[in-house]
Protein backbone atom coordinates (compact mmCIF):
# COMPACT_ATOMS: atom_id res chain seq x y z
CA MET A 1 -38.32 10.23 -6.95
CA TRP A 2 -36.90 13.73 -6.69
CA ARG A 3 -33.15 13.81 -6.54
CA LEU A 4 -30.74 16.57 -5.60
CA ARG A 5 -29.13 17.40 -8.90
CA THR A 6 -27.46 20.75 -8.33
CA LEU A 7 -24.60 21.61 -6.03
CA ALA A 8 -26.44 24.68 -4.76
CA SER A 9 -29.53 22.65 -3.73
CA ARG A 10 -27.35 20.09 -1.95
CA ILE A 11 -25.57 22.79 -0.02
CA LEU A 12 -28.88 24.52 0.81
CA LEU A 13 -30.53 21.39 2.20
CA ALA A 14 -27.38 20.34 4.03
CA VAL A 15 -27.16 23.71 5.77
CA ILE A 16 -30.88 23.65 6.63
CA GLY A 17 -30.50 20.13 8.03
CA ILE A 18 -27.57 21.21 10.17
CA LEU A 19 -29.57 24.20 11.39
CA LEU A 20 -32.56 22.01 12.26
CA ALA A 21 -30.40 19.58 14.22
CA THR A 22 -28.57 22.42 15.95
CA VAL A 23 -31.79 24.23 16.89
CA ALA A 24 -33.42 21.00 18.13
CA ILE A 25 -30.44 19.98 20.27
CA GLY A 26 -29.92 23.54 21.48
CA GLY A 27 -33.61 23.87 22.34
CA ALA A 28 -33.63 20.60 24.30
CA LEU A 29 -30.51 21.61 26.22
CA ASP A 30 -31.99 25.04 26.88
CA VAL A 31 -35.18 23.48 28.24
CA GLN A 32 -33.17 21.25 30.56
CA LEU A 33 -31.07 24.15 31.71
CA THR A 34 -34.16 26.28 32.27
CA LYS A 35 -35.79 23.48 34.26
CA ARG A 36 -32.73 23.09 36.47
CA THR A 37 -32.58 26.84 36.97
CA PHE A 38 -36.21 27.01 38.06
CA ASP A 39 -35.74 23.99 40.36
CA GLY A 40 -32.87 25.77 42.07
CA GLN A 41 -34.81 29.01 42.38
CA TYR A 42 -37.87 27.29 43.90
CA GLU A 43 -35.68 25.27 46.28
CA ASP A 44 -34.10 28.49 47.58
CA ARG A 45 -37.53 30.06 47.90
CA ALA A 46 -38.89 27.06 49.84
CA ARG A 47 -35.89 27.15 52.20
CA SER A 48 -36.39 30.86 52.87
CA ILE A 49 -40.05 30.31 53.74
CA ALA A 50 -39.11 27.37 56.00
CA ASN A 51 -36.56 29.48 57.87
CA VAL A 52 -39.11 32.24 58.42
CA VAL A 53 -41.72 29.79 59.75
CA ALA A 54 -39.16 28.12 62.03
CA GLU A 55 -38.41 31.46 63.67
CA ILE A 56 -42.04 32.25 64.58
CA PRO A 57 -42.28 32.06 68.44
CA GLU A 58 -45.91 30.99 68.35
CA ILE A 59 -45.01 27.96 66.24
CA ARG A 60 -42.19 27.06 68.62
CA THR A 61 -44.41 27.42 71.75
CA ALA A 62 -47.24 25.41 70.26
CA LEU A 63 -44.87 22.65 69.19
CA VAL A 64 -43.43 22.38 72.73
CA ALA A 65 -46.96 22.14 74.12
CA LYS A 66 -47.94 19.46 71.55
CA ASP A 67 -50.36 22.03 69.98
CA PRO A 68 -53.54 21.07 71.77
CA THR A 69 -55.54 23.84 69.98
CA GLY A 70 -54.39 23.15 66.37
CA ARG A 71 -52.78 26.59 66.11
CA ILE A 72 -49.84 25.29 64.05
CA GLN A 73 -52.15 24.03 61.26
CA ALA A 74 -53.92 27.38 61.09
CA LEU A 75 -50.65 29.34 60.91
CA ALA A 76 -49.11 26.94 58.36
CA SER A 77 -52.14 27.16 56.05
CA GLN A 78 -52.17 30.95 56.27
CA ILE A 79 -48.44 31.21 55.51
CA ALA A 80 -48.73 28.75 52.58
CA ARG A 81 -51.46 30.82 50.98
CA ARG A 82 -49.63 34.14 51.42
CA ALA A 83 -46.25 32.77 50.32
CA ASN A 84 -47.81 30.91 47.35
CA ALA A 85 -46.31 27.67 48.56
CA SER A 86 -47.87 24.28 47.86
CA TYR A 87 -47.56 23.16 51.46
CA VAL A 88 -46.02 24.03 54.84
CA VAL A 89 -45.60 20.93 57.02
CA VAL A 90 -44.49 21.28 60.63
CA THR A 91 -43.33 18.14 62.49
CA ASP A 92 -41.77 17.48 65.84
CA ARG A 93 -38.41 15.87 66.38
CA GLY A 94 -39.92 12.43 65.97
CA GLY A 95 -41.53 13.23 62.59
CA ILE A 96 -45.15 13.59 63.85
CA ARG A 97 -47.02 16.07 61.60
CA TYR A 98 -48.71 19.08 63.21
CA SER A 99 -49.75 20.67 59.91
CA HIS A 100 -50.45 19.41 56.41
CA PRO A 101 -52.61 20.38 53.41
CA ASN A 102 -54.38 17.06 53.94
CA PRO A 103 -55.81 17.22 57.50
CA ARG A 104 -56.10 13.44 57.65
CA LEU A 105 -52.31 13.16 57.72
CA ILE A 106 -51.97 15.41 60.78
CA GLY A 107 -50.75 13.36 63.72
CA ARG A 108 -49.18 10.77 61.50
CA ARG A 109 -45.46 10.15 61.17
CA LEU A 110 -43.44 11.13 58.12
CA GLU A 111 -42.57 8.42 55.61
CA GLU A 112 -38.91 9.59 55.61
CA PRO A 113 -36.65 10.42 58.59
CA VAL A 114 -36.39 14.00 59.89
CA ALA A 115 -33.56 15.61 57.89
CA VAL A 116 -32.73 18.63 60.10
CA LEU A 117 -31.60 16.84 63.23
CA ASP A 118 -28.10 18.05 62.36
CA GLY A 119 -29.31 21.63 62.91
CA HIS A 120 -28.83 22.76 59.22
CA ASP A 121 -31.09 23.70 56.37
CA HIS A 122 -31.74 21.20 53.56
CA VAL A 123 -33.07 21.58 50.01
CA GLY A 124 -33.88 19.11 47.28
CA ILE A 125 -36.51 17.50 45.14
CA ASP A 126 -38.96 15.65 47.35
CA ASN A 127 -41.26 12.87 46.17
CA GLY A 128 -43.65 13.21 49.08
CA SER A 129 -47.31 12.48 49.61
CA LEU A 130 -48.26 15.49 47.46
CA GLY A 131 -46.05 14.43 44.58
CA ARG A 132 -42.73 15.72 43.26
CA SER A 133 -41.86 19.15 44.59
CA ALA A 134 -39.01 21.60 45.18
CA ASN A 135 -38.50 21.32 48.92
CA GLY A 136 -36.78 23.37 51.60
CA LYS A 137 -36.42 22.26 55.25
CA ALA A 138 -35.38 24.26 58.33
CA PRO A 139 -34.91 23.18 61.99
CA ILE A 140 -37.09 24.54 64.83
CA LEU A 141 -34.88 25.28 67.85
CA ASP A 142 -35.83 25.79 71.51
CA ASP A 143 -34.30 28.43 73.76
CA ALA A 144 -31.35 26.14 74.47
CA GLY A 145 -30.64 25.71 70.71
CA ARG A 146 -31.78 22.12 70.56
CA VAL A 147 -33.73 20.80 67.58
CA ILE A 148 -37.32 20.24 68.60
CA GLY A 149 -38.95 20.04 65.22
CA GLN A 150 -38.81 20.64 61.46
CA VAL A 151 -40.53 22.96 58.98
CA SER A 152 -40.84 21.53 55.44
CA VAL A 153 -42.00 23.87 52.69
CA GLY A 154 -42.66 22.63 49.16
CA ILE A 155 -43.60 23.98 45.75
CA VAL A 156 -45.02 21.19 43.63
CA GLU A 157 -43.62 20.46 40.14
CA SER A 158 -46.74 21.65 38.36
CA ARG A 159 -45.81 25.24 39.18
CA VAL A 160 -42.22 24.67 38.05
CA ALA A 161 -43.49 23.09 34.84
CA GLY A 162 -45.75 26.07 34.23
CA ALA A 163 -42.80 28.43 34.48
CA VAL A 164 -40.77 26.19 32.18
CA ARG A 165 -43.60 26.10 29.61
CA SER A 166 -43.68 29.88 29.50
CA GLN A 167 -39.95 29.82 28.75
CA ILE A 168 -40.36 27.09 26.12
CA LEU A 169 -42.56 29.39 24.05
CA GLU A 170 -39.78 31.96 24.00
CA ILE A 171 -37.25 29.25 23.09
CA VAL A 172 -39.42 28.01 20.22
CA LEU A 173 -39.87 31.56 18.91
CA TYR A 174 -36.12 32.18 19.06
CA ALA A 175 -35.42 28.84 17.36
CA ALA A 176 -37.90 29.63 14.59
CA ILE A 177 -36.29 33.02 13.98
CA ALA A 178 -32.79 31.46 14.00
CA LEU A 179 -33.93 28.74 11.59
CA GLY A 180 -35.50 31.28 9.25
CA VAL A 181 -32.41 33.48 9.25
CA GLY A 182 -30.20 30.43 8.76
CA ALA A 183 -32.30 29.22 5.84
CA LEU A 184 -32.12 32.67 4.24
CA VAL A 185 -28.35 32.78 4.70
CA ALA A 186 -28.06 29.25 3.27
CA LEU A 187 -30.10 30.29 0.25
CA LEU A 188 -27.91 33.34 -0.33
CA MET A 189 -24.80 31.19 0.10
CA ALA A 190 -26.10 28.67 -2.43
CA ARG A 191 -26.71 31.47 -4.92
CA MET A 192 -23.24 32.89 -4.29
CA ILE A 193 -21.66 29.48 -4.86
CA ARG A 194 -23.66 29.00 -8.03
CA ARG A 195 -22.61 32.43 -9.25
CA ALA A 196 -18.96 31.80 -8.33
CA THR A 197 -18.97 28.49 -10.22
CA PHE A 198 -20.89 29.99 -13.17
CA GLY A 199 -23.65 27.46 -12.70
CA LEU A 200 -21.34 24.48 -13.18
CA GLU A 201 -21.89 21.29 -11.21
CA LEU A 202 -19.28 19.14 -9.47
CA SER A 203 -18.89 16.70 -12.37
CA GLU A 204 -18.49 19.58 -14.80
CA LEU A 205 -15.94 21.30 -12.54
CA THR A 206 -13.98 18.06 -12.22
CA SER A 207 -13.97 17.57 -15.98
CA LEU A 208 -12.89 21.15 -16.57
CA LEU A 209 -10.07 20.83 -14.06
CA GLN A 210 -8.78 17.65 -15.66
CA ASP A 211 -8.96 19.15 -19.14
CA ARG A 212 -7.25 22.33 -17.98
CA GLU A 213 -4.37 20.49 -16.34
CA ALA A 214 -3.87 18.29 -19.41
CA MET A 215 -3.93 21.30 -21.74
CA LEU A 216 -1.77 23.64 -19.65
CA HIS A 217 1.01 21.16 -19.09
CA GLY A 218 0.87 19.58 -22.52
CA ILE A 219 1.26 22.62 -24.77
CA ARG A 220 4.58 24.14 -25.78
CA GLU A 221 3.56 27.69 -24.94
CA GLY A 222 3.85 29.28 -21.54
CA VAL A 223 0.54 30.32 -19.95
CA ILE A 224 0.16 32.67 -16.99
CA GLY A 225 -3.27 33.44 -15.54
CA ILE A 226 -3.84 36.63 -13.57
CA ASP A 227 -7.04 37.35 -11.63
CA SER A 228 -8.87 40.66 -11.40
CA LYS A 229 -6.85 41.64 -8.31
CA GLY A 230 -3.47 41.24 -10.00
CA ARG A 231 -2.62 37.90 -8.42
CA VAL A 232 -1.15 34.90 -10.25
CA SER A 233 -3.91 32.31 -10.58
CA LEU A 234 -2.06 29.72 -12.69
CA VAL A 235 1.31 29.15 -14.32
CA ASN A 236 2.21 26.10 -16.39
CA ASP A 237 5.55 24.30 -16.67
CA GLU A 238 6.62 26.04 -19.88
CA ALA A 239 5.94 29.48 -18.37
CA ARG A 240 8.07 28.55 -15.35
CA ARG A 241 10.91 27.51 -17.67
CA LEU A 242 10.77 30.65 -19.77
CA THR A 243 10.50 33.08 -16.85
CA LYS A 244 12.75 31.14 -14.42
CA VAL A 245 9.99 31.18 -11.78
CA THR A 246 10.34 28.65 -8.96
CA GLY A 247 8.36 27.75 -5.87
CA THR A 248 4.71 28.42 -5.13
CA VAL A 249 3.54 31.55 -6.91
CA VAL A 250 -0.21 30.99 -7.23
CA GLY A 251 -2.03 33.56 -5.10
CA GLN A 252 0.87 36.01 -5.00
CA GLN A 253 0.85 39.46 -6.57
CA VAL A 254 2.56 39.76 -9.96
CA ARG A 255 4.94 42.43 -8.62
CA ASP A 256 6.08 40.02 -5.88
CA VAL A 257 6.84 37.19 -8.32
CA PHE A 258 8.47 38.84 -11.33
CA PRO A 259 11.38 41.32 -11.20
CA PRO A 260 10.96 44.86 -12.56
CA GLY A 261 11.13 45.06 -16.32
CA ARG A 262 9.15 44.85 -19.50
CA LEU A 263 7.83 41.38 -18.67
CA ARG A 264 6.24 42.56 -15.42
CA ASP A 265 4.87 45.68 -17.12
CA VAL A 266 3.04 43.54 -19.67
CA LEU A 267 1.72 41.16 -17.00
CA GLU A 268 0.43 44.04 -14.86
CA GLY A 269 -1.09 45.93 -17.80
CA GLN A 270 -4.78 46.24 -18.53
CA ASP A 271 -4.84 46.47 -22.33
CA CYS A 272 -4.69 43.72 -24.91
CA VAL A 273 -1.18 42.92 -26.11
CA ARG A 274 -0.52 41.24 -29.43
CA ASP A 275 2.86 39.66 -30.24
CA GLU A 276 4.80 41.93 -27.88
CA GLY A 277 8.52 41.16 -27.79
CA VAL A 278 10.09 40.97 -24.33
CA LEU A 279 13.77 40.34 -23.76
CA THR A 280 14.83 38.42 -20.64
CA ASP A 281 18.31 37.48 -19.51
CA ASP A 282 18.24 34.27 -21.56
CA SER A 283 15.42 34.48 -24.07
CA LEU A 284 13.40 36.62 -26.40
CA LEU A 285 9.75 36.04 -25.57
CA VAL A 286 6.68 36.95 -27.58
CA LEU A 287 3.74 37.80 -25.31
CA ASN A 288 0.02 37.95 -25.96
CA ARG A 289 -2.25 39.29 -23.24
CA SER A 290 -6.04 38.93 -23.42
CA PRO A 291 -8.65 39.94 -20.83
CA VAL A 292 -11.01 37.15 -19.71
CA VAL A 293 -14.69 38.00 -19.36
CA VAL A 294 -17.10 35.31 -18.13
CA ALA A 295 -20.85 35.95 -17.92
CA GLY A 296 -20.19 39.66 -18.37
CA ARG A 297 -17.71 39.82 -15.48
CA ASP A 298 -14.03 40.64 -15.71
CA VAL A 299 -12.24 37.73 -14.05
CA GLY A 300 -8.67 38.66 -15.00
CA SER A 301 -6.47 37.97 -18.00
CA VAL A 302 -4.41 35.25 -19.66
CA VAL A 303 -0.88 35.84 -20.93
CA THR A 304 0.76 33.42 -23.35
CA LEU A 305 4.52 33.28 -23.86
CA ARG A 306 6.41 31.88 -26.84
CA ASP A 307 10.16 31.41 -27.01
CA ARG A 308 11.35 33.21 -30.13
CA THR A 309 15.05 33.28 -29.29
CA GLU A 310 16.17 30.90 -32.03
CA LEU A 311 13.86 32.41 -34.65
CA GLU A 312 15.02 35.93 -33.81
CA SER A 313 18.63 34.82 -34.00
CA LEU A 314 17.98 33.35 -37.44
CA MET A 315 16.27 36.54 -38.56
CA ARG A 316 19.17 38.62 -37.32
CA GLU A 317 21.62 36.31 -39.06
CA LEU A 318 19.55 36.68 -42.20
CA HIS A 319 19.68 40.44 -41.75
CA SER A 320 23.45 40.21 -41.36
CA MET A 321 23.68 38.10 -44.48
CA THR A 322 21.56 40.66 -46.26
CA GLY A 323 23.98 43.33 -45.09
CA LEU A 324 26.91 41.33 -46.35
CA ALA A 325 25.13 40.78 -49.65
CA ASN A 326 24.56 44.53 -49.88
CA ALA A 327 28.25 45.07 -49.08
CA LEU A 328 29.21 42.65 -51.84
CA ARG A 329 26.84 44.40 -54.20
CA ALA A 330 28.43 47.73 -53.28
CA GLN A 331 31.87 46.27 -53.89
CA GLU A 332 30.64 44.78 -57.16
CA HIS A 333 29.37 48.21 -58.20
CA GLU A 334 32.68 49.78 -57.22
CA PHE A 335 34.73 47.09 -58.96
CA THR A 336 32.52 47.37 -62.06
CA ASN A 337 33.35 51.09 -62.24
CA ARG A 338 37.05 50.29 -61.94
CA LEU A 339 36.82 47.60 -64.61
CA HIS A 340 35.16 50.13 -66.88
CA VAL A 341 38.15 52.47 -66.33
CA ILE A 342 40.58 49.65 -67.08
CA ALA A 343 38.61 48.62 -70.16
CA GLY A 344 38.55 52.23 -71.38
CA LEU A 345 42.33 52.61 -70.95
CA ILE A 346 42.88 49.38 -72.86
CA ASP A 347 40.54 50.50 -75.64
CA LEU A 348 42.53 53.73 -75.87
CA GLY A 349 45.75 51.70 -76.09
CA ASP A 350 47.16 53.28 -72.93
CA PHE A 351 48.43 50.00 -71.48
CA ASP A 352 50.96 51.59 -69.15
CA GLU A 353 48.31 53.75 -67.48
CA ALA A 354 46.01 50.75 -67.17
CA SER A 355 48.83 48.78 -65.49
CA ARG A 356 49.56 51.61 -63.04
CA PHE A 357 45.83 51.97 -62.23
CA ILE A 358 45.49 48.24 -61.49
CA LYS A 359 48.57 48.21 -59.24
CA THR A 360 47.44 51.30 -57.30
CA GLU A 361 43.93 49.97 -56.65
CA THR A 362 45.20 46.53 -55.67
CA ARG A 363 47.79 48.02 -53.31
CA GLU A 364 45.19 50.22 -51.57
CA GLN A 365 42.83 47.28 -51.02
CA LEU A 366 45.63 45.07 -49.70
CA VAL A 367 46.98 47.79 -47.42
CA SER A 368 43.52 48.47 -45.95
CA ALA A 369 42.77 44.76 -45.37
CA GLU A 370 46.24 43.96 -44.04
CA ASP A 371 46.14 46.96 -41.70
CA LEU A 372 42.75 45.84 -40.31
CA ARG A 373 43.90 42.25 -39.80
CA ALA A 374 47.10 43.41 -38.10
CA ARG A 375 45.31 45.54 -35.53
CA ILE A 376 42.08 43.57 -34.94
CA ALA A 377 41.91 39.97 -33.77
CA PRO A 378 40.33 37.52 -34.06
CA PRO A 379 39.62 37.65 -37.82
CA SER A 380 35.86 37.40 -37.28
CA ILE A 381 35.73 40.90 -35.78
CA ALA A 382 38.01 42.24 -38.54
CA ALA A 383 35.69 40.71 -41.14
CA LEU A 384 32.67 42.27 -39.41
CA LEU A 385 34.30 45.71 -39.50
CA SER A 386 35.27 45.26 -43.15
CA ALA A 387 31.69 44.36 -44.05
CA LYS A 388 30.32 47.34 -42.08
CA MET A 389 32.76 49.64 -43.92
CA SER A 390 31.45 48.38 -47.26
CA VAL A 391 27.83 48.87 -46.18
CA ALA A 392 28.68 52.37 -44.91
CA SER A 393 30.32 53.22 -48.20
CA GLU A 394 27.21 52.11 -50.09
CA ARG A 395 25.05 54.33 -47.81
CA GLU A 396 27.48 57.25 -48.30
CA ILE A 397 28.52 57.16 -44.64
CA ASP A 398 32.10 57.63 -43.50
CA LEU A 399 32.85 54.72 -41.16
CA VAL A 400 36.18 55.56 -39.53
CA ILE A 401 38.19 53.15 -37.42
CA ALA A 402 40.46 55.13 -35.12
CA PRO A 403 44.15 54.72 -36.17
CA GLU A 404 45.17 53.81 -32.62
CA SER A 405 42.58 51.03 -32.42
CA TYR A 406 43.95 47.67 -31.29
CA LEU A 407 41.93 44.62 -30.21
CA ASP A 408 43.05 41.09 -29.36
CA VAL A 409 40.54 38.88 -27.52
CA GLY A 410 39.64 35.21 -27.31
CA ASP A 411 36.89 33.54 -29.30
CA GLU A 412 34.30 33.52 -26.48
CA ASP A 413 34.75 37.22 -25.76
CA ALA A 414 34.75 37.83 -29.51
CA GLN A 415 31.22 36.44 -29.79
CA ILE A 416 29.97 39.01 -27.27
CA LEU A 417 31.95 41.85 -28.85
CA MET A 418 30.65 41.01 -32.32
CA THR A 419 27.08 41.43 -31.07
CA VAL A 420 27.98 44.63 -29.22
CA ILE A 421 29.90 46.20 -32.13
CA GLY A 422 27.39 45.11 -34.76
CA ASN A 423 24.38 46.55 -32.91
CA LEU A 424 26.09 49.82 -31.96
CA VAL A 425 27.44 50.40 -35.48
CA ASP A 426 24.06 49.60 -37.09
CA ASN A 427 22.30 52.02 -34.75
CA ALA A 428 24.89 54.72 -35.43
CA MET A 429 24.55 54.35 -39.21
CA ASP A 430 20.75 54.42 -38.94
CA ALA A 431 21.02 57.61 -36.84
CA VAL A 432 23.10 59.53 -39.40
CA ALA A 433 21.54 58.07 -42.57
CA ALA A 434 18.68 60.60 -42.71
CA GLN A 435 20.81 63.74 -42.27
CA PRO A 436 22.74 65.61 -44.96
CA PRO A 437 26.50 65.04 -45.33
CA PRO A 438 28.86 64.80 -43.66
CA ARG A 439 27.68 61.55 -42.10
CA THR A 440 30.35 60.07 -39.89
CA VAL A 441 30.54 57.07 -37.57
CA THR A 442 33.74 56.55 -35.59
CA ILE A 443 34.87 53.28 -33.97
CA ASP A 444 37.64 53.04 -31.38
CA LEU A 445 38.64 49.60 -30.08
CA GLN A 446 41.14 48.88 -27.29
CA SER A 447 42.04 45.83 -25.22
CA ASP A 448 44.27 45.27 -22.21
CA THR A 449 42.83 43.81 -19.03
CA GLU A 450 39.48 44.85 -20.43
CA ALA A 451 37.98 45.44 -23.85
CA VAL A 452 36.90 49.01 -24.62
CA VAL A 453 34.52 49.72 -27.49
CA VAL A 454 33.62 53.32 -28.35
CA VAL A 455 31.13 54.04 -31.13
CA ALA A 456 30.25 57.67 -31.85
CA ASP A 457 28.31 59.41 -34.59
CA ASN A 458 27.49 62.98 -35.61
CA GLY A 459 23.77 62.33 -35.77
CA PRO A 460 20.94 64.11 -33.89
CA GLY A 461 22.02 62.66 -30.55
CA ILE A 462 19.86 61.36 -27.70
CA ALA A 463 17.64 63.50 -25.48
CA ALA A 464 18.66 63.49 -21.81
CA ALA A 465 15.20 62.23 -20.82
CA SER A 466 15.64 59.16 -23.06
CA LEU A 467 19.11 58.05 -21.92
CA GLU A 468 17.64 55.42 -19.59
CA GLU A 469 14.74 54.40 -21.81
CA ILE A 470 16.88 53.43 -24.80
CA PHE A 471 17.97 50.24 -23.01
CA VAL A 472 14.40 49.09 -22.34
CA ASP A 473 13.48 46.25 -24.65
CA GLY A 474 10.86 47.40 -27.12
CA TYR A 475 11.96 51.05 -27.10
CA SER A 476 12.76 52.31 -30.57
CA THR A 477 12.41 55.50 -32.61
CA LYS A 478 12.70 53.60 -35.90
CA SER A 479 9.85 52.26 -38.01
CA PRO A 480 9.28 48.45 -38.03
CA ARG A 481 11.38 46.38 -40.44
CA GLY A 482 9.04 43.69 -41.72
CA GLN A 483 8.73 40.87 -39.20
CA ALA A 484 11.94 41.81 -37.40
CA ARG A 485 11.39 43.43 -34.05
CA ARG A 486 12.72 46.84 -33.22
CA GLY A 487 13.98 47.98 -29.86
CA LEU A 488 15.93 44.84 -28.97
CA GLY A 489 19.49 45.71 -30.03
CA LEU A 490 20.49 48.07 -27.22
CA ALA A 491 18.61 45.99 -24.63
CA LEU A 492 20.54 42.92 -25.80
CA VAL A 493 23.84 44.84 -25.71
CA GLN A 494 23.23 46.00 -22.16
CA ARG A 495 22.34 42.50 -20.95
CA LEU A 496 25.41 40.93 -22.58
CA VAL A 497 27.74 43.58 -21.16
CA HIS A 498 26.28 43.42 -17.66
CA ARG A 499 26.32 39.62 -17.67
CA ALA A 500 30.04 39.78 -18.54
CA GLY A 501 30.61 42.18 -15.62
CA GLY A 502 31.09 45.25 -17.80
CA THR A 503 29.57 48.71 -18.05
CA ILE A 504 28.05 50.79 -20.80
CA ASP A 505 27.96 54.60 -20.77
CA VAL A 506 26.15 56.83 -23.21
CA THR A 507 26.12 60.54 -23.94
CA GLY A 508 23.99 62.29 -26.51
CA GLU A 509 24.55 66.05 -26.49
CA THR A 510 26.26 66.37 -29.90
CA GLY A 511 25.66 63.07 -31.57
CA ALA A 512 25.47 59.77 -29.71
CA ARG A 513 28.51 58.21 -28.07
CA PHE A 514 28.48 54.72 -26.57
CA GLU A 515 31.40 53.46 -24.49
CA VAL A 516 31.47 49.81 -23.47
CA ARG A 517 33.98 48.41 -21.01
CA MET A 518 34.06 44.65 -20.56
CA PRO A 519 36.61 42.72 -18.46
CA LEU A 520 38.44 39.89 -20.20
CA ALA A 521 39.27 36.52 -18.72
CA PRO A 522 42.96 36.34 -17.61
CA GLN A 523 43.80 33.69 -20.17
CA ARG A 524 42.44 35.92 -22.91
CA VAL A 525 44.17 39.17 -21.94
CA SER A 526 46.18 40.52 -24.90
CA ARG A 527 49.92 40.59 -24.52
C-alpha cells in the first residue's frame, strides 16, 4: 500500500484535499444561492404579469358578468404565451376559476383560499395543480375598489431549474479552474518547502534540531550564526557569556545587537577570518568566521569565539619575564665588564684604585635605586621602571624618568598603572629602536587627586589620520611576535583608563606623546 513518505507530498495532498472540500462546499452554496436568486426573480416577474392582467378592463368586465362567452380564458392563454408564463389563472372572489391551462378545471374552485382578499399582492412558491412554481398573485378591483377576483400567474420550477443548470456549468468550470490553479500553487509550495528544508524530512529535521541544541549548548566555545541578510540566527550560552548579550536576539540585525567595535566589524564582514583577536571590556576573544554554503547557496556564516584572556595574560607575563631576563642579562654583561676592570686593577697591584672603583660603582647603583624608591610607590611600579631602564640600556635607548616625578598610589590603582606604564613604555622603545641615535624615551609620573602618566619619545611620531585608529584592537604597525598578538596594548590601555574614569590624550607631530589622567580613590590619594 502506497504511503506518504515525504513532507512535500503530504503538504501537496493536504492542500489539494482542502481545495476539493472548499470547491465542493462553495459550489453547493453557490448553487443554492443561485436557485434562491432565480426563485426571487421569477416571483417578481409573475407578480408583475399578474398586476398587468388585473388592470385589463375587459378582464374586469367579463369577471363581473360571470364571463358567459369564455373571453377570460382566451385572454389569459394569449397573455401566458406572450409573457412566457406557465399559467395565468383568473378566479372570482369565491375562488371559482375562469381560466386555466387545463380547461377541465375551469369552473372549479381553488384548492387553497383566495390570498388577495386583503387587497395586496402576494408572491411565493406554490405547489398547485401544475406542480411547484414561482407564483405571483394580484387582486382584481371593481370601480369602487372592492376585491372581486384574483389573478394568479406562475412559472413552473422546470424553467427555474433550467436557468440554474445553465449557471451550474459556469460554476463547475470556475471550480475546475480554481482547483487546477490551487493544485499548481500547492505543487510549487511543496517544491519551495522541499528546497527550503534541503530535502530533509520531519524526522531528520527533528534529529538535526536535537543534535544542534545538544552540541551548541554543550561545547565550551561561543557560536554565533548569521544568515545571508545579516540577522542573528543562533547564539549559544557561551557566546552570550562572552559578549554579554541578553534577551532575545535571534532575528535581529547584528548592528542592533552588538555595540560598535571590532567585534561587530568581524560579525558583519563577508570574508573568512582565522584566529582574529578581538578585545572586549572584559575579555580577549579569538574569532573565526566561516561562510556557510549549502547545496551551492550562501545561507550565511558561523562565527566561533574562544576566551583567550587567561592565555594572553600568561603570554604577556612570559614576555615580561623575558624582558626581565634580558634586563638581568644586560646587567650581567655590565657587571662582567666592571669585574674585568676590578680584576685588571688587582692584577696590576693597584689595590687603592680598585677599592675606589668599587665604592664609586656601588654608590651610583645605590643612589639610583634609593632615589627611585623614594619617589615612586608602591615598590612594584619602581621595580617595573628599574627593569625597563635596564632593558632600555641594553637596547641603547635613553630611558629618562623626569626628576620631578613623584607617584604614590594604592595597590589596586598600581595594578592598572603598571599595565598602562608597561605598554606605553614598550611601545615608545619599539618606536625609537629602529632610528639612529639619539633614542630617547621620557617618563613623567605625578599623583595628587589623580594619577598623571606622560610617556614621550623622539621617534617618527604618529600620523594625524591614525590618531584614532591606534586604539582599535588589532591595529598595529609592527610585525607579529610569534604567537603573541599585536595591536592589543593601546586598546587595553584605553579600556582600563576609561573604565577607571580617566582620559588618554595623544599627540604625534614630533615623536609620540601619551598623557594619561586617572582619578584615584579618596582613600588612596597621596598625602
